[in-house]
C-alpha atoms as a PDB file:
ATOM      1  CA  MET A   1      27.881  -6.776  11.984  1.00  0.00           C
ATOM      2  CA  LEU A   2      29.508  -8.276   9.171  1.00  0.00           C
ATOM      3  CA  ILE A   3      27.642  -8.967   6.023  1.00  0.00           C
ATOM      4  CA  ASP A   4      28.543 -10.292   2.829  1.00  0.00           C
ATOM      5  CA  ILE A   5      26.560  -9.075  -0.439  1.00  0.00           C
ATOM      6  CA  HIS A   6      27.331 -12.023  -2.574  1.00  0.00           C
ATOM      7  CA  GLU A   7      24.713 -12.364  -5.137  1.00  0.00           C
ATOM      8  CA  THR A   8      22.197 -10.139  -7.049  1.00  0.00           C
ATOM      9  CA  THR A   9      18.962 -11.656  -8.106  1.00  0.00           C
ATOM     10  CA  GLU A  10      15.716 -10.546  -9.524  1.00  0.00           C
ATOM     11  CA  ALA A  11      14.576  -9.893  -5.986  1.00  0.00           C
ATOM     12  CA  GLY A  12      17.804  -7.806  -4.991  1.00  0.00           C
ATOM     13  CA  ASN A  13      20.953  -8.730  -3.232  1.00  0.00           C
ATOM     14  CA  ILE A  14      21.473 -11.793  -0.966  1.00  0.00           C
ATOM     15  CA  LEU A  15      23.045 -10.735   2.066  1.00  0.00           C
ATOM     16  CA  THR A  16      24.859 -13.564   4.309  1.00  0.00           C
ATOM     17  CA  LEU A  17      25.937 -12.903   7.834  1.00  0.00           C
ATOM     18  CA  LYS A  18      29.601 -13.478   8.397  1.00  0.00           C
ATOM     19  CA  ARG A  19      28.778 -13.197  12.283  1.00  0.00           C
ATOM     20  CA  GLY A  20      25.679 -13.891  14.098  1.00  0.00           C
ATOM     21  CA  PHE A  21      24.057 -11.338  16.312  1.00  0.00           C
ATOM     22  CA  THR A  22      21.514 -10.497  18.953  1.00  0.00           C
ATOM     23  CA  VAL A  23      18.873  -8.163  19.219  1.00  0.00           C
ATOM     24  CA  LYS A  24      17.103  -7.173  22.519  1.00  0.00           C
ATOM     25  CA  TRP A  25      13.370  -6.126  22.319  1.00  0.00           C
ATOM     26  CA  ARG A  26      10.635  -5.859  24.825  1.00  0.00           C
ATOM     27  CA  GLY A  27      12.501  -8.227  27.233  1.00  0.00           C
ATOM     28  CA  CYS A  28      13.281 -11.051  24.536  1.00  0.00           C
ATOM     29  CA  LYS A  29      16.656 -11.684  22.944  1.00  0.00           C
ATOM     30  CA  LEU A  30      16.519 -12.696  19.369  1.00  0.00           C
ATOM     31  CA  LYS A  31      19.700 -14.448  18.185  1.00  0.00           C
ATOM     32  CA  ILE A  32      20.495 -14.366  14.470  1.00  0.00           C
ATOM     33  CA  PRO A  33      22.657 -17.164  13.457  1.00  0.00           C
ATOM     34  CA  LYS A  34      25.919 -16.785  11.389  1.00  0.00           C
ATOM     35  CA  GLY A  35      25.345 -17.932   7.765  1.00  0.00           C
ATOM     36  CA  PHE A  36      21.542 -16.447   7.648  1.00  0.00           C
ATOM     37  CA  GLU A  37      20.528 -15.175   4.316  1.00  0.00           C
ATOM     38  CA  SER A  38      18.367 -12.296   3.882  1.00  0.00           C
ATOM     39  CA  ASP A  39      17.383  -9.836   1.125  1.00  0.00           C
ATOM     40  CA  GLY A  40      17.535  -6.713   3.302  1.00  0.00           C
ATOM     41  CA  ALA A  41      14.449  -4.827   3.707  1.00  0.00           C
ATOM     42  CA  SER A  42      11.906  -5.449   1.088  1.00  0.00           C
ATOM     43  CA  VAL A  43      11.193  -2.022   0.056  1.00  0.00           C
ATOM     44  CA  PRO A  44      10.031  -1.465  -3.401  1.00  0.00           C
ATOM     45  CA  ARG A  45      12.532   0.408  -5.303  1.00  0.00           C
ATOM     46  CA  LEU A  46      10.179   3.549  -6.124  1.00  0.00           C
ATOM     47  CA  LEU A  47       9.528   3.933  -2.285  1.00  0.00           C
ATOM     48  CA  TRP A  48      13.454   3.907  -1.536  1.00  0.00           C
ATOM     49  CA  ARG A  49      13.431   7.852  -1.292  1.00  0.00           C
ATOM     50  CA  LEU A  50      10.383   7.691   1.025  1.00  0.00           C
ATOM     51  CA  VAL A  51      11.398   4.862   3.344  1.00  0.00           C
ATOM     52  CA  SER A  52      14.868   3.308   2.799  1.00  0.00           C
ATOM     53  CA  PRO A  53      16.818   1.260   0.133  1.00  0.00           C
ATOM     54  CA  CYS A  54      16.838  -2.548   0.758  1.00  0.00           C
ATOM     55  CA  VAL A  55      20.300  -2.231   2.452  1.00  0.00           C
ATOM     56  CA  HIS A  56      20.867   0.589   4.601  1.00  0.00           C
ATOM     57  CA  PRO A  57      22.390   1.326   8.212  1.00  0.00           C
ATOM     58  CA  SER A  58      19.114   2.298   9.514  1.00  0.00           C
ATOM     59  CA  THR A  59      17.313  -0.751   8.536  1.00  0.00           C
ATOM     60  CA  ILE A  60      19.470  -3.638   7.875  1.00  0.00           C
ATOM     61  CA  ARG A  61      19.726  -4.986  11.257  1.00  0.00           C
ATOM     62  CA  ALA A  62      15.997  -4.914  11.709  1.00  0.00           C
ATOM     63  CA  ALA A  63      15.392  -6.287   8.111  1.00  0.00           C
ATOM     64  CA  ILE A  64      17.652  -9.364   8.621  1.00  0.00           C
ATOM     65  CA  ALA A  65      16.073 -10.106  11.944  1.00  0.00           C
ATOM     66  CA  HIS A  66      12.687  -9.501  10.520  1.00  0.00           C
ATOM     67  CA  ASP A  67      13.171 -11.967   7.668  1.00  0.00           C
ATOM     68  CA  PHE A  68      14.647 -14.468  10.359  1.00  0.00           C
ATOM     69  CA  LEU A  69      11.528 -14.280  12.435  1.00  0.00           C
ATOM     70  CA  TYR A  70       9.320 -14.456   9.234  1.00  0.00           C
ATOM     71  CA  ARG A  71      11.028 -17.425   8.030  1.00  0.00           C
ATOM     72  CA  THR A  72      11.218 -19.326  11.156  1.00  0.00           C
ATOM     73  CA  THR A  73       8.013 -18.490  12.876  1.00  0.00           C
ATOM     74  CA  PRO A  74       9.366 -19.062  16.234  1.00  0.00           C
ATOM     75  CA  GLU A  75       6.979 -20.057  19.046  1.00  0.00           C
ATOM     76  CA  GLY A  76       5.577 -17.163  21.186  1.00  0.00           C
ATOM     77  CA  TRP A  77       6.024 -14.593  18.054  1.00  0.00           C
ATOM     78  CA  THR A  78       3.290 -13.617  16.117  1.00  0.00           C
ATOM     79  CA  ARG A  79       3.400 -11.699  12.788  1.00  0.00           C
ATOM     80  CA  LYS A  80       2.314  -8.436  14.413  1.00  0.00           C
ATOM     81  CA  ASP A  81       5.194  -9.110  17.029  1.00  0.00           C
ATOM     82  CA  ALA A  82       7.657  -9.450  14.196  1.00  0.00           C
ATOM     83  CA  ASP A  83       6.558  -6.291  12.366  1.00  0.00           C
ATOM     84  CA  GLN A  84       6.359  -4.021  15.361  1.00  0.00           C
ATOM     85  CA  PHE A  85       9.984  -5.536  16.080  1.00  0.00           C
ATOM     86  CA  PHE A  86      11.097  -4.186  12.705  1.00  0.00           C
ATOM     87  CA  ARG A  87       9.443  -0.677  13.184  1.00  0.00           C
ATOM     88  CA  ASP A  88      10.966  -0.448  16.724  1.00  0.00           C
ATOM     89  CA  ILE A  89      14.475  -1.524  15.712  1.00  0.00           C
ATOM     90  CA  CYS A  90      14.635   0.701  12.539  1.00  0.00           C
ATOM     91  CA  LYS A  91      13.707   3.783  14.769  1.00  0.00           C
ATOM     92  CA  ARG A  92      16.418   2.588  17.521  1.00  0.00           C
ATOM     93  CA  ASP A  93      18.874   2.518  14.478  1.00  0.00           C
ATOM     94  CA  GLY A  94      18.060   5.803  13.146  1.00  0.00           C
ATOM     95  CA  LEU A  95      15.202   5.619  10.733  1.00  0.00           C
ATOM     96  CA  SER A  96      12.736   8.608  11.406  1.00  0.00           C
ATOM     97  CA  ASP A  97       9.357   7.889  13.243  1.00  0.00           C
ATOM     98  CA  TRP A  98       7.294   8.376  10.099  1.00  0.00           C
ATOM     99  CA  GLN A  99       9.450   6.222   7.849  1.00  0.00           C
ATOM    100  CA  ALA A 100       9.244   3.634  10.409  1.00  0.00           C
ATOM    101  CA  TRP A 101       5.575   3.792  10.619  1.00  0.00           C
ATOM    102  CA  ILE A 102       5.259   3.775   6.639  1.00  0.00           C
ATOM    103  CA  ALA A 103       7.527   0.496   6.749  1.00  0.00           C
ATOM    104  CA  TYR A 104       5.458  -0.899   9.554  1.00  0.00           C
ATOM    105  CA  ILE A 105       2.062  -0.188   7.513  1.00  0.00           C
ATOM    106  CA  GLY A 106       3.554  -1.511   4.393  1.00  0.00           C
ATOM    107  CA  LEU A 107       4.371  -4.929   6.503  1.00  0.00           C
ATOM    108  CA  ARG A 108       0.769  -5.056   7.961  1.00  0.00           C
ATOM    109  CA  LEU A 109      -0.709  -4.535   4.547  1.00  0.00           C
ATOM    110  CA  PHE A 110       1.463  -6.972   2.393  1.00  0.00           C
ATOM    111  CA  GLY A 111       3.487  -9.101   5.034  1.00  0.00           C
ATOM    112  CA  TRP A 112       0.749 -11.713   5.540  1.00  0.00           C
ATOM    113  CA  MET A 113       1.483 -13.686   2.379  1.00  0.00           C
ATOM    114  CA  SER A 114       5.159 -14.515   3.213  1.00  0.00           C
ATOM    115  CA  TRP A 115       4.227 -15.063   6.964  1.00  0.00           C
ATOM    116  CA  GLN A 116       1.343 -17.482   6.222  1.00  0.00           C
ATOM    117  CA  GLY A 117       3.494 -19.216   3.643  1.00  0.00           C
ATOM    118  CA  LYS A 118       6.568 -19.949   5.816  1.00  0.00           C
ATOM    119  CA  LYS A 119       4.404 -20.778   8.709  1.00  0.00           C
ATOM    120  CA  ASN A 120       2.699 -23.457   6.646  1.00  0.00           C
ATOM    121  CA  GLN A 121       5.788 -24.488   5.200  1.00  0.00           C
ATOM    122  CA  ASN A 122       7.432 -25.044   8.766  1.00  0.00           C
ATOM    123  CA  GLN A 123       4.312 -26.928  10.076  1.00  0.00           C
ATOM    124  CA  ARG A 124       4.660 -29.426   6.839  1.00  0.00           C
ATOM    125  CA  LYS A 125       8.115 -29.980   8.046  1.00  0.00           C
ATOM    126  CA  GLY A 126       7.134 -30.979  11.311  1.00  0.00           C
ATOM    127  CA  GLU A 127       4.419 -33.536  10.568  1.00  0.00           C
END
């Protein structure tokens, strides 16, 4: 996967895909397009040693795809699906089981705000 880290903001690094990629999960194929922007895994700095920094080989593919799911809220995907997807892909890419579970619990506790905000925004665009 080719990624350009081109900007650092208050929220962290901005990553842009130089080449799209596809992730297979539970019989689904999720295609992330070239040019998609992400901030990597949204792990607070104080938890980096426990879970993962925002840009790490064990989480980057899952983080970018998870950001794509949260921003586009594709039909047929629930927030829980997106969070389980993140956990499973992180484990597949080398994150330990317990670290993936901690990240998953964080998503379940705090991800609803981002999911609901983007879902509402996408619905308004379709009106």
